[in-house]
Amino acid sequence: MARRDDAPRVVAELGRPETPEETAARKAENSRKHRANQTLFNLLIATGTSLAVVLVLVLVVVRPDLPQRENVDPAAIAAAAGEISGDLTVAELPEGWAANRADIRTGRDGVTTWYVGYLTDEDAVLGDGFIGATQALDANETWVAVQLELQPATGVTTIGGREWTVYDDREDPDAGNLAYSLVTWVGPDAYVLSGRAEPEEFEQLAAAMLAAATDRSGQGEGSE
């Protein structure tokens, strides 16, 4: 025999029909559970959407301090520099290296700089394996200190028969492209190499730049 819709609900645990008060309480509890489930579901949806937005931003936004793989020809740019082109040092790149930037600038301090950004391998786009090389024409010690953000020197090494001052700040996670630097002087010009490549790669570039400076001068400018 079917139970009438308006007949009291028999509660098994009680062994009797539930009272109107019990019926109201049961319905109220069911409504509360439904609302709680809906709130949790909506929260999960909102969280998932937020995470998706963050992931998209991480994938599409390029950090400005990371060197990008866009090859340029430093030799051609230096050759087009007019009357100072003969003063600019263009290193012969080791196998597998590339240059992603090359430009000439004159700062407010009157110092003209020849800058080339080098990528030591295909993974350098991620930040590692990058060296920025600056030749500052007729520079001074103050100019060098400012470029290195007043970092203290950590040592000295000899590369290509010339003494280079070492600035090793690789233990600082916020050092960026000043994680490792080498500095030397060729006549009145300062040579500053900075980046996140391995020290051995810095030595390769330093030697190549000194060789190019010597070839350019034709008079052994790579040594005092």
N, C-alpha and C. Protein backbone atom coordinates (compact mmCIF):
# COMPACT_ATOMS: atom_id res chain seq x y z
N MET A 1 0.85 -1.19 0.00
CA MET A 1 0.00 0.00 0.00
C MET A 1 0.88 1.24 0.00
N ALA A 2 0.67 2.13 -0.96
CA ALA A 2 1.48 3.34 -1.10
C ALA A 2 1.21 4.32 0.02
N ARG A 3 2.32 5.03 0.44
CA ARG A 3 2.14 6.01 1.50
C ARG A 3 1.65 7.32 0.91
N ARG A 4 0.64 7.90 1.56
CA ARG A 4 0.14 9.20 1.12
C ARG A 4 1.21 10.25 1.31
N ASP A 5 1.27 11.24 0.34
CA ASP A 5 2.30 12.28 0.39
C ASP A 5 2.23 13.08 1.68
N ASP A 6 0.97 13.23 2.22
CA ASP A 6 0.84 14.03 3.42
C ASP A 6 0.89 13.21 4.68
N ALA A 7 1.17 11.90 4.53
CA ALA A 7 1.24 11.04 5.71
C ALA A 7 2.54 11.28 6.43
N PRO A 8 2.58 11.20 7.74
CA PRO A 8 3.82 11.41 8.50
C PRO A 8 4.88 10.40 8.07
N ARG A 9 6.14 10.87 7.99
CA ARG A 9 7.26 10.00 7.59
C ARG A 9 7.67 9.14 8.78
N VAL A 10 7.78 7.84 8.52
CA VAL A 10 8.18 6.93 9.59
C VAL A 10 9.69 6.92 9.65
N VAL A 11 10.26 7.23 10.80
CA VAL A 11 11.70 7.23 11.01
C VAL A 11 12.10 5.89 11.57
N ALA A 12 12.99 5.18 10.85
CA ALA A 12 13.36 3.83 11.24
C ALA A 12 13.98 3.80 12.63
N GLU A 13 14.83 4.78 12.90
CA GLU A 13 15.50 4.77 14.20
C GLU A 13 14.51 4.97 15.35
N LEU A 14 13.44 5.74 15.05
CA LEU A 14 12.45 6.00 16.10
C LEU A 14 11.36 4.95 16.16
N GLY A 15 11.14 4.29 15.05
CA GLY A 15 10.07 3.28 15.00
C GLY A 15 8.69 3.89 15.04
N ARG A 16 8.61 5.17 14.60
CA ARG A 16 7.33 5.87 14.62
C ARG A 16 7.39 7.01 13.63
N PRO A 17 6.24 7.56 13.25
CA PRO A 17 6.24 8.73 12.36
C PRO A 17 6.91 9.91 13.06
N GLU A 18 7.65 10.74 12.25
CA GLU A 18 8.29 11.91 12.85
C GLU A 18 7.27 13.00 13.08
N THR A 19 7.51 13.79 14.08
CA THR A 19 6.61 14.89 14.42
C THR A 19 6.81 16.03 13.44
N PRO A 20 5.87 16.98 13.37
CA PRO A 20 6.06 18.15 12.49
C PRO A 20 7.35 18.90 12.80
N GLU A 21 7.72 18.98 14.08
CA GLU A 21 8.95 19.67 14.44
C GLU A 21 10.16 18.93 13.89
N GLU A 22 10.16 17.60 13.98
CA GLU A 22 11.26 16.80 13.46
C GLU A 22 11.34 16.91 11.94
N THR A 23 10.18 16.96 11.30
CA THR A 23 10.16 17.11 9.84
C THR A 23 10.78 18.44 9.43
N ALA A 24 10.41 19.51 10.13
CA ALA A 24 10.96 20.83 9.82
C ALA A 24 12.46 20.88 10.05
N ALA A 25 12.90 20.24 11.15
CA ALA A 25 14.32 20.23 11.47
C ALA A 25 15.10 19.45 10.41
N ARG A 26 14.51 18.30 9.94
CA ARG A 26 15.19 17.50 8.93
C ARG A 26 15.34 18.28 7.64
N LYS A 27 14.28 18.96 7.21
CA LYS A 27 14.33 19.73 5.97
C LYS A 27 15.31 20.90 6.08
N ALA A 28 15.35 21.52 7.24
CA ALA A 28 16.28 22.63 7.45
C ALA A 28 17.73 22.14 7.35
N GLU A 29 17.99 20.96 7.94
CA GLU A 29 19.34 20.42 7.90
C GLU A 29 19.73 20.05 6.48
N ASN A 30 18.79 19.48 5.72
CA ASN A 30 19.07 19.14 4.33
C ASN A 30 19.39 20.39 3.50
N SER A 31 18.64 21.45 3.77
CA SER A 31 18.89 22.71 3.06
C SER A 31 20.26 23.27 3.40
N ARG A 32 20.63 23.17 4.70
CA ARG A 32 21.95 23.67 5.12
C ARG A 32 23.07 22.91 4.43
N LYS A 33 22.95 21.57 4.35
CA LYS A 33 23.96 20.76 3.70
C LYS A 33 24.05 21.09 2.21
N HIS A 34 22.92 21.34 1.58
CA HIS A 34 22.91 21.67 0.16
C HIS A 34 23.63 22.99 -0.09
N ARG A 35 23.33 23.98 0.78
CA ARG A 35 23.98 25.28 0.62
C ARG A 35 25.49 25.17 0.83
N ALA A 36 25.88 24.36 1.82
CA ALA A 36 27.31 24.19 2.10
C ALA A 36 28.01 23.54 0.93
N ASN A 37 27.37 22.55 0.33
CA ASN A 37 27.96 21.89 -0.83
C ASN A 37 28.09 22.84 -2.00
N GLN A 38 27.05 23.67 -2.20
CA GLN A 38 27.11 24.64 -3.29
C GLN A 38 28.22 25.65 -3.07
N THR A 39 28.39 26.11 -1.80
CA THR A 39 29.45 27.07 -1.49
C THR A 39 30.82 26.48 -1.77
N LEU A 40 31.04 25.22 -1.36
CA LEU A 40 32.31 24.56 -1.60
C LEU A 40 32.57 24.39 -3.10
N PHE A 41 31.52 24.02 -3.84
CA PHE A 41 31.65 23.84 -5.28
C PHE A 41 32.03 25.16 -5.96
N ASN A 42 31.36 26.24 -5.56
CA ASN A 42 31.65 27.55 -6.14
C ASN A 42 33.08 27.99 -5.80
N LEU A 43 33.52 27.68 -4.56
CA LEU A 43 34.87 28.05 -4.15
C LEU A 43 35.91 27.31 -4.98
N LEU A 44 35.67 26.03 -5.23
CA LEU A 44 36.59 25.25 -6.05
C LEU A 44 36.66 25.79 -7.48
N ILE A 45 35.50 26.16 -8.03
CA ILE A 45 35.46 26.73 -9.37
C ILE A 45 36.25 28.03 -9.43
N ALA A 46 36.04 28.91 -8.43
CA ALA A 46 36.73 30.20 -8.40
C ALA A 46 38.24 30.02 -8.26
N THR A 47 38.63 29.06 -7.40
CA THR A 47 40.06 28.80 -7.20
C THR A 47 40.70 28.29 -8.48
N GLY A 48 40.01 27.35 -9.14
CA GLY A 48 40.53 26.81 -10.39
C GLY A 48 40.67 27.87 -11.46
N THR A 49 39.70 28.77 -11.54
CA THR A 49 39.76 29.85 -12.52
C THR A 49 40.94 30.78 -12.23
N SER A 50 41.14 31.10 -10.94
CA SER A 50 42.25 31.99 -10.57
C SER A 50 43.60 31.37 -10.91
N LEU A 51 43.74 30.07 -10.63
CA LEU A 51 44.99 29.38 -10.94
C LEU A 51 45.25 29.36 -12.44
N ALA A 52 44.18 29.20 -13.21
CA ALA A 52 44.33 29.18 -14.67
C ALA A 52 44.81 30.54 -15.17
N VAL A 53 44.28 31.62 -14.60
CA VAL A 53 44.69 32.97 -15.00
C VAL A 53 46.16 33.20 -14.66
N VAL A 54 46.57 32.78 -13.45
CA VAL A 54 47.97 32.94 -13.04
C VAL A 54 48.89 32.16 -13.97
N LEU A 55 48.51 30.94 -14.33
CA LEU A 55 49.33 30.12 -15.21
C LEU A 55 49.51 30.79 -16.57
N VAL A 56 48.43 31.36 -17.10
CA VAL A 56 48.51 32.04 -18.39
C VAL A 56 49.46 33.23 -18.30
N LEU A 57 49.37 34.00 -17.20
CA LEU A 57 50.24 35.15 -17.04
C LEU A 57 51.71 34.74 -16.96
N VAL A 58 51.98 33.64 -16.25
CA VAL A 58 53.35 33.16 -16.14
C VAL A 58 53.89 32.74 -17.50
N LEU A 59 53.04 32.13 -18.31
CA LEU A 59 53.48 31.63 -19.61
C LEU A 59 53.69 32.72 -20.63
N VAL A 60 52.87 33.77 -20.57
CA VAL A 60 52.93 34.77 -21.64
C VAL A 60 53.70 36.03 -21.28
N VAL A 61 53.89 36.31 -19.99
CA VAL A 61 54.60 37.51 -19.61
C VAL A 61 56.09 37.21 -19.57
N VAL A 62 56.88 37.95 -20.33
CA VAL A 62 58.33 37.73 -20.40
C VAL A 62 59.02 38.63 -19.39
N ARG A 63 59.86 38.04 -18.52
CA ARG A 63 60.61 38.84 -17.58
C ARG A 63 61.59 39.73 -18.33
N PRO A 64 61.61 41.04 -17.99
CA PRO A 64 62.44 41.96 -18.76
C PRO A 64 63.93 41.77 -18.54
N ASP A 65 64.36 41.10 -17.39
CA ASP A 65 65.77 40.98 -17.13
C ASP A 65 66.40 39.76 -17.79
N LEU A 66 65.61 38.97 -18.54
CA LEU A 66 66.14 37.79 -19.18
C LEU A 66 66.52 38.08 -20.63
N PRO A 67 67.73 37.72 -21.01
CA PRO A 67 68.14 37.95 -22.39
C PRO A 67 67.39 37.06 -23.35
N GLN A 68 66.93 37.62 -24.45
CA GLN A 68 66.16 36.85 -25.43
C GLN A 68 67.06 36.41 -26.60
N ARG A 69 66.72 35.28 -27.22
CA ARG A 69 67.51 34.74 -28.32
C ARG A 69 67.11 35.43 -29.62
N GLU A 70 67.78 36.53 -29.90
CA GLU A 70 67.57 37.25 -31.17
C GLU A 70 68.95 37.66 -31.69
N ASN A 71 69.49 36.89 -32.61
CA ASN A 71 70.86 37.08 -33.04
C ASN A 71 71.08 38.40 -33.77
N VAL A 72 72.19 39.06 -33.42
CA VAL A 72 72.60 40.28 -34.12
C VAL A 72 74.06 40.10 -34.54
N ASP A 73 74.55 41.00 -35.38
CA ASP A 73 75.92 40.94 -35.88
C ASP A 73 76.71 42.11 -35.30
N PRO A 74 77.44 41.90 -34.19
CA PRO A 74 78.20 43.00 -33.58
C PRO A 74 79.20 43.63 -34.52
N ALA A 75 79.85 42.81 -35.37
CA ALA A 75 80.86 43.34 -36.28
C ALA A 75 80.25 44.36 -37.25
N ALA A 76 79.08 44.05 -37.78
CA ALA A 76 78.41 44.96 -38.71
C ALA A 76 77.99 46.25 -38.02
N ILE A 77 77.51 46.12 -36.77
CA ILE A 77 77.07 47.31 -36.03
C ILE A 77 78.28 48.18 -35.69
N ALA A 78 79.39 47.55 -35.30
CA ALA A 78 80.60 48.32 -34.97
C ALA A 78 81.14 49.02 -36.22
N ALA A 79 81.08 48.34 -37.36
CA ALA A 79 81.60 48.92 -38.60
C ALA A 79 80.81 50.15 -39.02
N ALA A 80 79.56 50.21 -38.61
CA ALA A 80 78.70 51.34 -38.99
C ALA A 80 78.75 52.47 -37.96
N ALA A 81 79.68 52.38 -37.02
CA ALA A 81 79.73 53.35 -35.93
C ALA A 81 80.45 54.65 -36.27
N GLY A 82 80.88 54.78 -37.51
CA GLY A 82 81.51 56.03 -37.91
C GLY A 82 82.94 56.14 -37.42
N GLU A 83 83.31 57.33 -36.95
CA GLU A 83 84.72 57.61 -36.62
C GLU A 83 85.24 56.81 -35.44
N ILE A 84 84.34 56.29 -34.59
CA ILE A 84 84.83 55.51 -33.45
C ILE A 84 84.86 54.01 -33.74
N SER A 85 84.46 53.61 -34.93
CA SER A 85 84.37 52.18 -35.23
C SER A 85 85.72 51.49 -35.03
N GLY A 86 86.82 52.19 -35.31
CA GLY A 86 88.15 51.60 -35.15
C GLY A 86 88.55 51.41 -33.71
N ASP A 87 87.82 52.04 -32.79
CA ASP A 87 88.14 51.91 -31.37
C ASP A 87 87.36 50.80 -30.68
N LEU A 88 86.41 50.20 -31.39
CA LEU A 88 85.54 49.20 -30.77
C LEU A 88 86.09 47.79 -30.92
N THR A 89 86.04 47.05 -29.84
CA THR A 89 86.54 45.69 -29.83
C THR A 89 85.39 44.71 -30.12
N VAL A 90 85.57 43.88 -31.12
CA VAL A 90 84.57 42.86 -31.48
C VAL A 90 85.22 41.49 -31.34
N ALA A 91 84.78 40.75 -30.34
CA ALA A 91 85.37 39.44 -30.07
C ALA A 91 84.87 38.40 -31.07
N GLU A 92 85.73 37.45 -31.40
CA GLU A 92 85.33 36.33 -32.23
C GLU A 92 84.63 35.31 -31.33
N LEU A 93 83.38 35.00 -31.63
CA LEU A 93 82.57 34.17 -30.74
C LEU A 93 83.00 32.71 -30.78
N PRO A 94 83.03 32.07 -29.61
CA PRO A 94 83.27 30.62 -29.57
C PRO A 94 82.14 29.88 -30.28
N GLU A 95 82.39 28.65 -30.66
CA GLU A 95 81.39 27.83 -31.35
C GLU A 95 80.14 27.69 -30.48
N GLY A 96 78.97 27.93 -31.10
CA GLY A 96 77.70 27.77 -30.39
C GLY A 96 77.21 29.02 -29.69
N TRP A 97 78.04 30.07 -29.61
CA TRP A 97 77.64 31.32 -28.98
C TRP A 97 76.89 32.20 -29.98
N ALA A 98 76.17 33.18 -29.44
CA ALA A 98 75.48 34.15 -30.29
C ALA A 98 75.40 35.48 -29.54
N ALA A 99 75.19 36.54 -30.29
CA ALA A 99 74.99 37.87 -29.68
C ALA A 99 73.54 38.27 -29.88
N ASN A 100 72.90 38.74 -28.82
CA ASN A 100 71.49 39.13 -28.94
C ASN A 100 71.28 40.64 -28.88
N ARG A 101 72.38 41.37 -28.66
CA ARG A 101 72.24 42.84 -28.61
C ARG A 101 73.62 43.45 -28.80
N ALA A 102 73.65 44.57 -29.50
CA ALA A 102 74.90 45.31 -29.67
C ALA A 102 74.54 46.77 -29.92
N ASP A 103 75.05 47.67 -29.09
CA ASP A 103 74.75 49.09 -29.30
C ASP A 103 75.83 49.97 -28.71
N ILE A 104 75.82 51.23 -29.15
CA ILE A 104 76.78 52.24 -28.69
C ILE A 104 75.99 53.36 -28.04
N ARG A 105 76.43 53.75 -26.84
CA ARG A 105 75.72 54.80 -26.13
C ARG A 105 76.72 55.76 -25.49
N THR A 106 76.29 57.00 -25.31
CA THR A 106 77.07 57.98 -24.56
C THR A 106 76.20 58.47 -23.42
N GLY A 107 76.65 58.22 -22.18
CA GLY A 107 75.87 58.58 -21.00
C GLY A 107 76.00 60.04 -20.63
N ARG A 108 75.26 60.43 -19.61
CA ARG A 108 75.32 61.81 -19.15
C ARG A 108 76.69 62.17 -18.61
N ASP A 109 77.44 61.14 -18.21
CA ASP A 109 78.79 61.39 -17.70
C ASP A 109 79.81 61.57 -18.82
N GLY A 110 79.34 61.47 -20.08
CA GLY A 110 80.23 61.67 -21.22
C GLY A 110 80.99 60.43 -21.64
N VAL A 111 80.79 59.31 -20.95
CA VAL A 111 81.50 58.07 -21.29
C VAL A 111 80.73 57.34 -22.39
N THR A 112 81.43 57.04 -23.48
CA THR A 112 80.84 56.28 -24.58
C THR A 112 81.09 54.79 -24.35
N THR A 113 80.04 53.99 -24.46
CA THR A 113 80.17 52.56 -24.22
C THR A 113 79.75 51.74 -25.44
N TRP A 114 80.46 50.65 -25.64
CA TRP A 114 80.15 49.67 -26.68
C TRP A 114 79.73 48.41 -25.95
N TYR A 115 78.43 48.07 -26.07
CA TYR A 115 77.86 46.94 -25.32
C TYR A 115 77.42 45.83 -26.26
N VAL A 116 77.77 44.59 -25.89
CA VAL A 116 77.32 43.42 -26.63
C VAL A 116 76.82 42.38 -25.62
N GLY A 117 75.62 41.87 -25.85
CA GLY A 117 75.08 40.81 -25.01
C GLY A 117 75.33 39.46 -25.66
N TYR A 118 75.97 38.57 -24.93
CA TYR A 118 76.34 37.26 -25.47
C TYR A 118 75.52 36.14 -24.81
N LEU A 119 75.08 35.19 -25.63
CA LEU A 119 74.38 33.99 -25.16
C LEU A 119 75.29 32.81 -25.44
N THR A 120 75.65 32.09 -24.38
CA THR A 120 76.67 31.05 -24.53
C THR A 120 76.12 29.73 -25.07
N ASP A 121 74.81 29.53 -25.00
CA ASP A 121 74.20 28.32 -25.56
C ASP A 121 72.71 28.55 -25.74
N GLU A 122 72.00 27.55 -26.26
CA GLU A 122 70.57 27.71 -26.59
C GLU A 122 69.71 27.87 -25.35
N ASP A 123 70.20 27.46 -24.16
CA ASP A 123 69.42 27.60 -22.94
C ASP A 123 69.62 28.96 -22.28
N ALA A 124 70.48 29.80 -22.86
CA ALA A 124 70.76 31.10 -22.25
C ALA A 124 69.55 31.99 -22.21
N VAL A 125 68.54 31.71 -23.04
CA VAL A 125 67.32 32.51 -23.03
C VAL A 125 66.64 32.45 -21.68
N LEU A 126 66.90 31.42 -20.88
CA LEU A 126 66.30 31.26 -19.56
C LEU A 126 67.03 32.08 -18.51
N GLY A 127 68.12 32.73 -18.89
CA GLY A 127 68.84 33.58 -17.94
C GLY A 127 70.26 33.10 -17.70
N ASP A 128 70.48 31.78 -17.54
CA ASP A 128 71.83 31.27 -17.37
C ASP A 128 72.55 31.32 -18.72
N GLY A 129 73.87 31.38 -18.67
CA GLY A 129 74.62 31.40 -19.90
C GLY A 129 74.59 32.74 -20.61
N PHE A 130 74.40 33.83 -19.86
CA PHE A 130 74.37 35.17 -20.47
C PHE A 130 75.52 36.01 -19.92
N ILE A 131 76.19 36.72 -20.82
CA ILE A 131 77.25 37.65 -20.42
C ILE A 131 77.06 38.96 -21.18
N GLY A 132 76.96 40.04 -20.45
CA GLY A 132 76.93 41.35 -21.06
C GLY A 132 78.34 41.94 -21.03
N ALA A 133 78.89 42.28 -22.19
CA ALA A 133 80.25 42.80 -22.28
C ALA A 133 80.22 44.27 -22.66
N THR A 134 80.84 45.10 -21.82
CA THR A 134 80.87 46.54 -22.07
C THR A 134 82.31 47.02 -22.20
N GLN A 135 82.59 47.74 -23.27
CA GLN A 135 83.86 48.44 -23.43
C GLN A 135 83.56 49.92 -23.27
N ALA A 136 84.09 50.50 -22.21
CA ALA A 136 83.84 51.92 -21.94
C ALA A 136 85.05 52.73 -22.38
N LEU A 137 84.87 53.59 -23.36
CA LEU A 137 85.97 54.36 -23.91
C LEU A 137 86.35 55.51 -22.98
N ASP A 138 87.63 55.61 -22.68
CA ASP A 138 88.13 56.68 -21.80
C ASP A 138 87.33 56.75 -20.50
N ALA A 139 87.18 55.62 -19.85
CA ALA A 139 86.38 55.53 -18.62
C ALA A 139 87.24 55.85 -17.40
N ASN A 140 86.65 55.67 -16.23
CA ASN A 140 87.37 55.89 -14.97
C ASN A 140 86.86 54.90 -13.93
N GLU A 141 87.56 54.81 -12.80
CA GLU A 141 87.20 53.84 -11.77
C GLU A 141 85.80 54.09 -11.21
N THR A 142 85.40 55.35 -11.12
CA THR A 142 84.07 55.67 -10.60
C THR A 142 82.99 55.12 -11.52
N TRP A 143 83.20 55.24 -12.83
CA TRP A 143 82.24 54.71 -13.78
C TRP A 143 82.07 53.19 -13.59
N VAL A 144 83.20 52.50 -13.42
CA VAL A 144 83.14 51.04 -13.24
C VAL A 144 82.39 50.70 -11.96
N ALA A 145 82.66 51.41 -10.88
CA ALA A 145 82.01 51.12 -9.60
C ALA A 145 80.50 51.30 -9.70
N VAL A 146 80.07 52.31 -10.43
CA VAL A 146 78.62 52.54 -10.60
C VAL A 146 78.00 51.41 -11.41
N GLN A 147 78.68 50.95 -12.45
CA GLN A 147 78.14 49.87 -13.27
C GLN A 147 77.95 48.60 -12.47
N LEU A 148 78.82 48.37 -11.50
CA LEU A 148 78.75 47.16 -10.66
C LEU A 148 77.98 47.39 -9.37
N GLU A 149 77.30 48.54 -9.31
CA GLU A 149 76.48 48.88 -8.13
C GLU A 149 77.28 48.80 -6.84
N LEU A 150 78.53 49.26 -6.92
CA LEU A 150 79.43 49.38 -5.76
C LEU A 150 79.74 48.04 -5.10
N GLN A 151 79.64 46.95 -5.84
CA GLN A 151 80.00 45.64 -5.29
C GLN A 151 81.49 45.62 -4.94
N PRO A 152 81.84 44.97 -3.83
CA PRO A 152 83.26 44.82 -3.51
C PRO A 152 83.88 43.71 -4.35
N ALA A 153 85.13 43.87 -4.72
CA ALA A 153 85.84 42.83 -5.46
C ALA A 153 86.04 41.62 -4.56
N THR A 154 86.02 40.43 -5.17
CA THR A 154 86.20 39.19 -4.39
C THR A 154 87.47 38.45 -4.77
N GLY A 155 88.22 38.96 -5.74
CA GLY A 155 89.45 38.28 -6.12
C GLY A 155 90.05 38.85 -7.38
N VAL A 156 91.12 38.21 -7.82
CA VAL A 156 91.83 38.62 -9.04
C VAL A 156 92.21 37.35 -9.79
N THR A 157 92.12 37.39 -11.12
CA THR A 157 92.53 36.27 -11.94
C THR A 157 93.28 36.79 -13.15
N THR A 158 94.06 35.92 -13.77
CA THR A 158 94.82 36.31 -14.96
C THR A 158 94.26 35.58 -16.17
N ILE A 159 93.85 36.34 -17.17
CA ILE A 159 93.29 35.77 -18.41
C ILE A 159 93.94 36.49 -19.59
N GLY A 160 94.45 35.73 -20.54
CA GLY A 160 95.07 36.33 -21.71
C GLY A 160 96.27 37.18 -21.37
N GLY A 161 96.96 36.83 -20.29
CA GLY A 161 98.14 37.59 -19.90
C GLY A 161 97.83 38.89 -19.21
N ARG A 162 96.56 39.12 -18.89
CA ARG A 162 96.17 40.38 -18.25
C ARG A 162 95.41 40.08 -16.95
N GLU A 163 95.56 40.95 -15.99
CA GLU A 163 94.90 40.80 -14.70
C GLU A 163 93.46 41.32 -14.77
N TRP A 164 92.53 40.47 -14.31
CA TRP A 164 91.12 40.84 -14.26
C TRP A 164 90.65 40.81 -12.80
N THR A 165 89.91 41.80 -12.41
CA THR A 165 89.32 41.83 -11.07
C THR A 165 88.00 41.06 -11.10
N VAL A 166 87.81 40.20 -10.09
CA VAL A 166 86.63 39.33 -10.04
C VAL A 166 85.62 39.87 -9.03
N TYR A 167 84.34 39.85 -9.43
CA TYR A 167 83.23 40.22 -8.55
C TYR A 167 82.25 39.04 -8.57
N ASP A 168 82.34 38.19 -7.56
CA ASP A 168 81.54 36.96 -7.52
C ASP A 168 80.43 37.11 -6.48
N ASP A 169 79.20 37.28 -6.98
CA ASP A 169 78.04 37.46 -6.09
C ASP A 169 76.98 36.42 -6.39
N ARG A 170 77.41 35.22 -6.83
CA ARG A 170 76.46 34.19 -7.26
C ARG A 170 75.62 33.62 -6.13
N GLU A 171 76.03 33.78 -4.88
CA GLU A 171 75.25 33.26 -3.75
C GLU A 171 74.03 34.13 -3.45
N ASP A 172 74.00 35.33 -4.00
CA ASP A 172 72.85 36.22 -3.79
C ASP A 172 71.80 35.91 -4.86
N PRO A 173 70.61 35.39 -4.47
CA PRO A 173 69.58 35.05 -5.46
C PRO A 173 69.03 36.26 -6.22
N ASP A 174 69.27 37.46 -5.69
CA ASP A 174 68.75 38.67 -6.33
C ASP A 174 69.84 39.42 -7.11
N ALA A 175 70.98 38.78 -7.32
CA ALA A 175 72.09 39.47 -7.99
C ALA A 175 71.80 39.72 -9.47
N GLY A 176 70.92 38.91 -10.07
CA GLY A 176 70.57 39.11 -11.48
C GLY A 176 71.79 38.99 -12.38
N ASN A 177 71.92 39.94 -13.31
CA ASN A 177 73.02 39.90 -14.26
C ASN A 177 74.32 40.45 -13.69
N LEU A 178 74.34 40.70 -12.39
CA LEU A 178 75.59 41.06 -11.72
C LEU A 178 76.04 39.92 -10.81
N ALA A 179 75.58 38.72 -11.11
CA ALA A 179 75.96 37.57 -10.30
C ALA A 179 77.46 37.30 -10.37
N TYR A 180 78.03 37.57 -11.54
CA TYR A 180 79.47 37.35 -11.70
C TYR A 180 80.00 38.40 -12.67
N SER A 181 81.12 39.00 -12.33
CA SER A 181 81.68 40.05 -13.21
C SER A 181 83.20 39.96 -13.25
N LEU A 182 83.76 40.36 -14.39
CA LEU A 182 85.20 40.50 -14.56
C LEU A 182 85.47 41.90 -15.10
N VAL A 183 86.54 42.52 -14.61
CA VAL A 183 86.87 43.88 -15.04
C VAL A 183 88.37 43.98 -15.31
N THR A 184 88.74 44.61 -16.42
CA THR A 184 90.13 44.92 -16.69
C THR A 184 90.21 46.23 -17.47
N TRP A 185 91.44 46.70 -17.64
CA TRP A 185 91.67 47.94 -18.38
C TRP A 185 92.63 47.67 -19.53
N VAL A 186 92.32 48.21 -20.67
CA VAL A 186 93.21 48.18 -21.83
C VAL A 186 93.43 49.63 -22.23
N GLY A 187 94.58 50.16 -21.86
CA GLY A 187 94.81 51.58 -22.06
C GLY A 187 93.79 52.38 -21.25
N PRO A 188 93.11 53.36 -21.86
CA PRO A 188 92.13 54.16 -21.14
C PRO A 188 90.74 53.53 -21.09
N ASP A 189 90.58 52.36 -21.72
CA ASP A 189 89.26 51.74 -21.82
C ASP A 189 89.04 50.68 -20.74
N ALA A 190 87.86 50.69 -20.15
CA ALA A 190 87.48 49.66 -19.17
C ALA A 190 86.68 48.59 -19.88
N TYR A 191 86.97 47.33 -19.55
CA TYR A 191 86.21 46.20 -20.08
C TYR A 191 85.50 45.54 -18.91
N VAL A 192 84.17 45.53 -18.97
CA VAL A 192 83.36 44.99 -17.88
C VAL A 192 82.49 43.87 -18.43
N LEU A 193 82.66 42.67 -17.90
CA LEU A 193 81.85 41.52 -18.29
C LEU A 193 80.99 41.13 -17.09
N SER A 194 79.68 41.06 -17.28
CA SER A 194 78.77 40.70 -16.19
C SER A 194 77.67 39.79 -16.69
N GLY A 195 77.23 38.86 -15.84
CA GLY A 195 76.13 37.99 -16.23
C GLY A 195 75.98 36.80 -15.31
N ARG A 196 75.32 35.75 -15.85
CA ARG A 196 75.04 34.56 -15.05
C ARG A 196 75.61 33.30 -15.70
N ALA A 197 76.59 33.47 -16.57
CA ALA A 197 77.24 32.31 -17.18
C ALA A 197 78.24 31.71 -16.20
N GLU A 198 78.83 30.59 -16.60
CA GLU A 198 79.85 29.96 -15.76
C GLU A 198 81.17 30.74 -15.85
N PRO A 199 81.97 30.74 -14.77
CA PRO A 199 83.26 31.45 -14.81
C PRO A 199 84.13 31.03 -15.99
N GLU A 200 84.08 29.74 -16.36
CA GLU A 200 84.88 29.28 -17.50
C GLU A 200 84.45 29.97 -18.80
N GLU A 201 83.15 30.25 -18.92
CA GLU A 201 82.65 30.94 -20.11
C GLU A 201 83.07 32.41 -20.09
N PHE A 202 83.11 33.00 -18.90
CA PHE A 202 83.63 34.36 -18.79
C PHE A 202 85.08 34.41 -19.25
N GLU A 203 85.85 33.41 -18.85
CA GLU A 203 87.26 33.37 -19.24
C GLU A 203 87.41 33.25 -20.76
N GLN A 204 86.53 32.46 -21.39
CA GLN A 204 86.56 32.34 -22.85
C GLN A 204 86.35 33.69 -23.51
N LEU A 205 85.32 34.40 -23.04
CA LEU A 205 85.00 35.68 -23.65
C LEU A 205 86.08 36.72 -23.37
N ALA A 206 86.60 36.72 -22.13
CA ALA A 206 87.65 37.67 -21.77
C ALA A 206 88.88 37.48 -22.67
N ALA A 207 89.26 36.23 -22.88
CA ALA A 207 90.42 35.95 -23.73
C ALA A 207 90.15 36.38 -25.17
N ALA A 208 88.94 36.13 -25.66
CA ALA A 208 88.58 36.51 -27.02
C ALA A 208 88.59 38.03 -27.20
N MET A 209 88.12 38.76 -26.16
CA MET A 209 88.10 40.22 -26.26
C MET A 209 89.51 40.79 -26.25
N LEU A 210 90.40 40.22 -25.43
CA LEU A 210 91.77 40.71 -25.40
C LEU A 210 92.47 40.43 -26.73
N ALA A 211 92.20 39.25 -27.30
CA ALA A 211 92.79 38.92 -28.60
C ALA A 211 92.31 39.90 -29.66
N ALA A 212 91.01 40.24 -29.62
CA ALA A 212 90.47 41.19 -30.60
C ALA A 212 91.04 42.58 -30.40
N ALA A 213 91.24 42.96 -29.13
CA ALA A 213 91.81 44.28 -28.85
C ALA A 213 93.25 44.36 -29.37
N THR A 214 93.98 43.28 -29.24
CA THR A 214 95.36 43.24 -29.73
C THR A 214 95.39 43.33 -31.25
N ASP A 215 94.51 42.54 -31.89
CA ASP A 215 94.45 42.56 -33.35
C ASP A 215 94.04 43.93 -33.86
N ARG A 216 93.12 44.57 -33.14
CA ARG A 216 92.61 45.87 -33.59
C ARG A 216 93.70 46.94 -33.54
N SER A 217 94.47 46.94 -32.47
CA SER A 217 95.50 47.97 -32.33
C SER A 217 96.70 47.71 -33.23
N GLY A 218 96.98 46.40 -33.46
CA GLY A 218 98.13 46.05 -34.28
C GLY A 218 99.45 46.33 -33.59
N GLN A 219 99.37 46.73 -32.29
CA GLN A 219 100.59 47.07 -31.56
C GLN A 219 100.63 46.41 -30.18
N GLY A 220 99.89 45.27 -30.08
CA GLY A 220 99.92 44.56 -28.80
C GLY A 220 99.18 45.29 -27.71
N GLU A 221 98.05 45.89 -28.03
CA GLU A 221 97.30 46.64 -27.02
C GLU A 221 96.79 45.74 -25.91
N GLY A 222 96.78 44.42 -26.11
CA GLY A 222 96.30 43.51 -25.08
C GLY A 222 97.24 43.41 -23.91
N SER A 223 98.42 44.05 -23.92
CA SER A 223 99.31 44.01 -22.78
C SER A 223 99.81 45.41 -22.48
N GLU A 224 100.18 45.63 -21.21
CA GLU A 224 100.63 46.95 -20.79
C GLU A 224 101.96 47.28 -21.47
